[in-house]
Protein backbone atom coordinates (compact mmCIF):
# COMPACT_ATOMS: atom_id res chain seq x y z
CA MET A 1 0.00 0.00 0.00
CA LYS A 2 1.03 3.60 -0.61
CA TRP A 3 0.54 6.41 1.90
CA ALA A 4 -0.91 9.84 1.11
CA PHE A 5 -2.37 12.74 3.10
CA CYS A 6 -5.28 15.07 2.44
CA ASN A 7 -4.01 18.58 1.96
CA GLU A 8 -6.84 20.38 3.79
CA ILE A 9 -5.25 19.10 7.03
CA LEU A 10 -2.56 21.69 6.28
CA LYS A 11 -5.03 24.33 5.06
CA PRO A 12 -8.56 24.03 6.54
CA LEU A 13 -11.49 25.78 4.86
CA GLY A 14 -11.13 29.53 5.42
CA SER A 15 -7.45 29.30 6.44
CA MET A 16 -4.79 31.48 4.80
CA ARG A 17 -2.11 28.89 5.54
CA ASN A 18 0.01 27.72 2.58
CA TRP A 19 -0.50 23.96 2.44
CA MET A 20 2.67 23.37 0.40
CA GLU A 21 5.04 24.64 3.09
CA GLY A 22 5.24 21.29 4.88
CA LEU A 23 5.73 19.10 1.82
CA PRO A 24 9.50 18.40 2.18
CA PHE A 25 9.13 17.13 5.74
CA LEU A 26 6.05 15.03 4.94
CA ARG A 27 7.89 13.43 2.01
CA SER A 28 10.73 12.60 4.39
CA LEU A 29 8.25 10.71 6.58
CA GLY A 30 7.43 8.40 3.70
CA TYR A 31 4.27 9.95 2.33
CA GLU A 32 4.24 9.49 -1.43
CA GLY A 33 1.02 11.25 -2.41
CA VAL A 34 -1.32 14.15 -1.75
CA GLU A 35 -5.11 14.06 -2.01
CA ILE A 36 -6.28 17.59 -2.80
CA ALA A 37 -9.38 19.42 -1.62
CA PRO A 38 -10.12 21.90 -4.44
CA PHE A 39 -11.18 24.61 -1.97
CA THR A 40 -7.48 24.95 -1.12
CA PHE A 41 -7.11 26.49 -4.61
CA GLY A 42 -9.56 29.31 -3.85
CA GLU A 43 -13.21 30.22 -3.37
CA ASP A 44 -14.16 28.87 -6.81
CA PRO A 45 -11.82 26.03 -7.75
CA ALA A 46 -13.32 25.82 -11.24
CA GLN A 47 -11.89 29.29 -11.95
CA VAL A 48 -8.31 28.56 -10.90
CA GLU A 49 -5.77 29.95 -13.35
CA PRO A 50 -3.71 27.49 -15.44
CA ASP A 51 -0.49 29.07 -14.14
CA ALA A 52 -1.56 28.27 -10.57
CA LEU A 53 -2.16 24.63 -11.49
CA ARG A 54 1.21 24.47 -13.23
CA GLY A 55 2.78 25.83 -10.05
CA VAL A 56 1.16 23.10 -7.95
CA ARG A 57 2.27 20.39 -10.37
CA ARG A 58 5.82 21.76 -10.46
CA ARG A 59 6.03 21.86 -6.65
CA LEU A 60 4.76 18.30 -6.28
CA GLU A 61 7.28 17.11 -8.85
CA GLU A 62 10.09 18.92 -7.01
CA GLU A 63 9.17 17.11 -3.79
CA ASN A 64 8.67 13.76 -5.56
CA LEU A 65 5.04 13.64 -4.45
CA ARG A 66 2.06 12.56 -6.55
CA CYS A 67 -1.38 14.07 -6.70
CA VAL A 68 -3.48 10.96 -6.10
CA GLY A 69 -6.86 12.60 -6.59
CA PHE A 70 -9.36 15.25 -5.43
CA HIS A 71 -12.05 15.20 -2.74
CA TRP A 72 -14.41 17.72 -1.03
CA LEU A 73 -15.60 18.35 -4.59
CA TRP A 74 -18.74 20.41 -3.98
CA SER A 75 -17.83 22.30 -0.80
CA THR A 76 -17.06 25.47 -2.78
CA PRO A 77 -18.36 27.60 -4.32
CA ARG A 78 -21.52 27.84 -2.24
CA GLY A 79 -24.82 26.70 -3.64
CA LEU A 80 -23.76 23.53 -5.45
CA ASN A 81 -26.20 20.63 -5.28
CA GLY A 82 -25.99 17.61 -7.55
CA LEU A 83 -29.57 16.48 -6.91
CA HIS A 84 -31.36 19.81 -6.84
CA PRO A 85 -34.75 19.80 -8.61
CA ASP A 86 -33.76 22.99 -10.46
CA PRO A 87 -31.80 21.81 -13.56
CA SER A 88 -29.70 24.99 -13.68
CA ILE A 89 -28.43 24.51 -10.11
CA ARG A 90 -27.85 20.83 -10.71
CA ARG A 91 -25.98 21.50 -13.95
CA ARG A 92 -23.61 23.88 -12.19
CA ALA A 93 -22.63 21.14 -9.73
CA TRP A 94 -21.99 18.51 -12.39
CA ASP A 95 -20.19 20.99 -14.64
CA THR A 96 -17.90 21.66 -11.68
CA LEU A 97 -17.02 17.94 -11.63
CA ARG A 98 -16.13 18.12 -15.32
CA VAL A 99 -13.70 20.95 -14.64
CA LEU A 100 -12.24 19.20 -11.59
CA ALA A 101 -11.73 15.97 -13.56
CA ARG A 102 -9.59 17.88 -16.08
CA GLN A 103 -7.66 19.67 -13.32
CA CYS A 104 -7.08 16.37 -11.54
CA ALA A 105 -5.79 14.76 -14.73
CA PHE A 106 -3.46 17.72 -15.36
CA LEU A 107 -1.93 17.20 -11.91
CA GLY A 108 -1.57 13.46 -12.51
CA GLY A 109 -4.43 12.41 -10.23
CA GLN A 110 -6.35 9.18 -10.65
CA PHE A 111 -9.74 9.83 -9.08
CA LEU A 112 -12.36 12.21 -7.74
CA VAL A 113 -13.94 11.22 -4.41
CA LEU A 114 -17.60 12.26 -4.34
CA GLY A 115 -18.52 12.77 -0.71
CA SER A 116 -20.12 16.22 -0.22
CA GLY A 117 -23.06 14.94 1.81
CA LYS A 118 -25.11 18.13 2.03
CA GLN A 119 -24.54 18.94 -1.62
CA ARG A 120 -25.73 15.54 -2.82
CA SER A 121 -28.83 15.29 -0.60
CA PHE A 122 -32.20 15.49 -2.31
CA GLU A 123 -35.40 17.31 -1.38
CA GLY A 124 -38.88 17.30 -2.85
CA MET A 125 -38.54 13.90 -4.50
CA SER A 126 -38.59 10.23 -3.58
CA SER A 127 -35.41 8.22 -3.03
CA ARG A 128 -36.10 6.39 -6.32
CA GLN A 129 -36.39 9.71 -8.16
CA GLY A 130 -33.17 10.89 -6.52
CA LYS A 131 -31.39 7.73 -7.59
CA ASP A 132 -32.70 7.98 -11.16
CA LEU A 133 -31.55 11.59 -11.36
CA PHE A 134 -28.13 10.65 -10.03
CA LEU A 135 -27.78 7.85 -12.59
CA GLU A 136 -28.80 10.23 -15.37
CA GLU A 137 -26.16 12.79 -14.36
CA MET A 138 -23.51 10.11 -13.90
CA ASN A 139 -24.07 8.80 -17.41
CA LYS A 140 -23.64 12.34 -18.77
CA LEU A 141 -20.40 12.69 -16.79
CA LEU A 142 -18.84 9.49 -18.13
CA PRO A 143 -17.46 10.95 -21.39
CA VAL A 144 -15.27 13.39 -19.43
CA LEU A 145 -14.06 10.61 -17.12
CA GLU A 146 -13.19 8.48 -20.14
CA GLU A 147 -11.47 11.41 -21.87
CA THR A 148 -9.32 12.27 -18.84
CA GLY A 149 -8.78 8.77 -17.46
CA VAL A 150 -9.95 10.00 -14.05
CA SER A 151 -12.36 7.79 -12.08
CA LEU A 152 -15.25 8.96 -9.91
CA LEU A 153 -15.35 7.19 -6.53
CA ILE A 154 -18.71 7.48 -4.79
CA GLU A 155 -18.25 7.69 -1.03
CA PRO A 156 -20.87 6.14 1.26
CA LEU A 157 -21.76 8.67 3.95
CA PRO A 158 -23.84 8.11 7.11
CA LYS A 159 -27.40 9.37 7.49
CA SER A 160 -26.09 12.16 9.72
CA SER A 161 -24.39 13.61 6.61
CA THR A 162 -26.81 12.90 3.76
CA ASN A 163 -30.04 11.15 2.82
CA PHE A 164 -28.46 9.55 -0.26
CA LEU A 165 -26.18 6.48 -0.45
CA ASN A 166 -25.40 5.74 3.19
CA ALA A 167 -23.73 2.32 2.92
CA LEU A 168 -21.40 0.43 0.62
CA GLU A 169 -24.25 -1.88 -0.40
CA GLU A 170 -26.26 1.09 -1.73
CA VAL A 171 -23.27 2.58 -3.55
CA VAL A 172 -22.38 -0.73 -5.19
CA GLY A 173 -26.01 -1.10 -6.26
CA VAL A 174 -25.67 2.18 -8.19
CA LEU A 175 -22.32 1.12 -9.65
CA LYS A 176 -23.81 -2.11 -10.93
CA GLU A 177 -26.49 -0.17 -12.82
CA ILE A 178 -23.88 1.74 -14.85
CA ASP A 179 -20.95 -0.72 -14.79
CA SER A 180 -18.10 1.50 -15.96
CA PRO A 181 -14.38 1.01 -15.22
CA PHE A 182 -14.29 4.75 -14.44
CA LEU A 183 -16.67 4.39 -11.48
CA GLY A 184 -15.91 2.88 -8.08
CA THR A 185 -16.05 3.45 -4.35
CA LEU A 186 -13.76 3.61 -1.32
CA PHE A 187 -13.49 2.47 2.28
CA ASP A 188 -13.49 5.27 4.86
CA PHE A 189 -13.29 4.21 8.51
CA HIS A 190 -15.01 7.37 9.77
CA ASN A 191 -18.03 6.87 7.50
CA THR A 192 -18.91 3.29 8.46
CA THR A 193 -21.32 4.16 11.29
CA ASP A 194 -24.38 3.00 9.32
CA GLU A 195 -22.78 -0.22 8.06
CA LEU A 196 -24.17 -3.49 9.41
CA LEU A 197 -21.18 -5.73 8.67
CA PRO A 198 -17.77 -5.74 10.42
CA TRP A 199 -15.01 -3.91 8.55
CA GLU A 200 -13.26 -7.06 7.37
CA ASP A 201 -16.49 -8.47 5.95
CA LEU A 202 -17.18 -5.18 4.16
CA VAL A 203 -13.86 -5.13 2.34
CA ARG A 204 -14.12 -8.80 1.46
CA GLN A 205 -17.62 -8.39 0.04
CA TYR A 206 -17.02 -5.13 -1.85
CA ARG A 207 -13.31 -5.44 -2.72
CA PRO A 208 -13.99 -5.46 -6.52
CA TRP A 209 -15.38 -1.92 -6.26
CA ILE A 210 -13.05 -0.48 -3.57
CA ARG A 211 -10.36 1.63 -5.28
CA HIS A 212 -9.17 3.76 -2.36
CA VAL A 213 -9.00 3.99 1.44
CA HIS A 214 -9.39 6.96 3.78
CA PHE A 215 -7.62 6.47 7.12
CA ASN A 216 -9.07 8.12 10.23
CA GLY A 217 -10.72 7.38 13.56
CA MET A 218 -14.44 6.99 14.03
CA ASP A 219 -14.54 10.48 15.58
CA GLY A 220 -12.69 12.03 12.63
CA GLY A 221 -9.38 12.25 14.49
CA LEU A 222 -6.66 9.63 14.78
CA PRO A 223 -7.50 6.21 16.25
CA SER A 224 -5.68 4.54 19.11
CA GLU A 225 -2.64 2.40 18.36
CA ALA A 226 -4.14 -0.16 20.76
CA ASP A 227 -7.29 -0.64 18.64
CA PRO A 228 -6.93 -4.15 17.14
CA THR A 229 -9.68 -3.64 14.54
CA TYR A 230 -7.47 -1.35 12.45
CA ALA A 231 -4.61 -3.84 12.27
CA SER A 232 -7.13 -6.56 11.34
CA LEU A 233 -8.61 -4.42 8.57
CA PHE A 234 -5.21 -3.65 7.04
CA ARG A 235 -4.31 -7.33 7.26
CA ALA A 236 -7.52 -8.15 5.38
CA LEU A 237 -6.70 -5.56 2.70
CA ARG A 238 -3.26 -7.08 2.20
CA LYS A 239 -4.70 -10.58 1.90
CA LEU A 240 -7.18 -9.29 -0.69
CA GLY A 241 -4.31 -7.88 -2.74
CA TYR A 242 -5.02 -4.19 -2.16
CA THR A 243 -1.90 -2.22 -3.14
CA GLY A 244 -3.50 1.18 -3.76
CA TRP A 245 -3.46 4.49 -1.95
CA VAL A 246 -4.37 5.05 1.68
CA SER A 247 -4.96 8.75 2.41
CA VAL A 248 -4.95 10.21 5.91
CA GLU A 249 -8.16 12.29 6.14
CA LEU A 250 -8.86 14.07 9.42
CA PHE A 251 -11.65 16.42 10.46
CA GLY A 252 -11.39 19.56 12.58
CA LYS A 253 -9.03 22.48 13.04
CA PHE A 254 -5.49 21.55 13.94
CA ASP A 255 -2.87 23.62 15.74
CA ASP A 256 -0.12 21.17 14.76
CA PRO A 257 -1.04 19.49 11.44
CA ILE A 258 2.53 18.33 10.81
CA GLY A 259 2.61 16.65 14.21
CA LEU A 260 -0.71 14.94 13.49
CA LEU A 261 0.51 13.63 10.14
CA THR A 262 3.68 12.36 11.81
CA ARG A 263 1.56 10.43 14.32
CA ALA A 264 -0.60 9.14 11.48
CA ARG A 265 2.46 7.69 9.72
CA ASN A 266 3.53 5.97 12.94
CA LEU A 267 0.04 4.49 13.30
CA LEU A 268 -0.03 3.24 9.71
CA ASP A 269 3.28 1.50 10.24
CA ALA A 270 2.11 0.04 13.57
CA TYR A 271 -1.10 -1.32 12.05
CA ASN A 272 0.87 -2.87 9.20
CA GLY A 273 3.47 -4.52 11.41
CA VAL A 274 6.27 -2.16 10.43
CA GLY A 275 8.41 0.01 12.68
CA PHE A 276 8.57 3.74 11.97
CA LEU A 277 9.88 4.48 8.48
CA GLY A 278 10.25 0.87 7.42
CA ASN A 279 11.75 -1.18 10.24
CA GLU A 280 9.75 -4.39 9.94
CA GLN A 281 8.58 -6.04 13.14
CA SER A 282 9.00 -9.79 13.44
CA ASN A 283 5.43 -10.39 14.73
CA ASP A 284 3.83 -9.78 11.30
CA LYS A 285 4.30 -12.75 8.99
CA ASN A 286 2.37 -11.14 6.15
CA PRO A 287 3.86 -7.70 5.47
CA SER A 288 2.49 -5.54 2.67
C-alpha cells in the first residue's frame, strides 16, 4: 500500500495557511502522495488559473510527491447541489465535476472522491427519483471521465451527513447499474457508522469496487494504536491484494497538522506490522 495525506489538514477551509510549506518534511516521513481538496485552490476552484495549477504540479514534482486525486468536490463555491430539482443549479454542480476531472488529470491524479453529503442530498422527491436523477447525471459525466482517465469514486456517507447512499451496499447497487471502469467506491473508517457488517467483511464483500482507502478514527481524528480492529482491517486488505493508496483524512481544526501527520504515519506503520519508516517487526508474517 502507498501512503498519502489530504491537503486540507494543512489548510482548513477559510485558512490562509500555505499547504505546500510542509511538503519536504512530509515526504521525508514516507508519504508518497497528496489528495487535494479543491477549496485549497480558492473560493471557486473551477476558476483557478492554469499558471496556478502548473505551479502546484511543479512543486509536487520537485518534492517527488504525486497528486493521487481530489475530494471535497462540492464544498465550494456555495450553492452547489448535484440532486437539486432545479436543472440549472444541478448542472452547475456537475459541470464543476467536469472541470475538476480535467484539473485532476493535469496534476496526474487518478480519481475524484464524491462525498459532499449536504450537496448531494435530495429534497422534494422520492429516493427512487433521486437515484434515477443521479444515474442520469452520472451517465452524462462518463465521457469526461473516459477522456481524462480520471475515475469517480462514490463515497458512502452516514445518514447524519446525507439522505443519499449511506452504505457500501447502496453505492455498489448504483455502480452495478452503470458498470463502468471509471466508477468505483472507497473504504473510509469514519463513514462506516451505518454499516451493518464488520469492517473485514465489508472489504471482502465489496473489494472489486473499492479503489481507495481513507484512514481516520471513528470520531474524525486519529485512532488509538491499541485498537486491534485497524490492524485486522489492514491485514484483510493485504490478503485481498489491495496495493492502492491510503490517504490520511482528518476532520477539525489543527494547531499542529505536521505533528498529526507524523503520528498518522507511525500508526499506519504500527497497524501494518512495520516500525517507523520501514523497520519491519518480526510479529507480522504477512507484510504488505
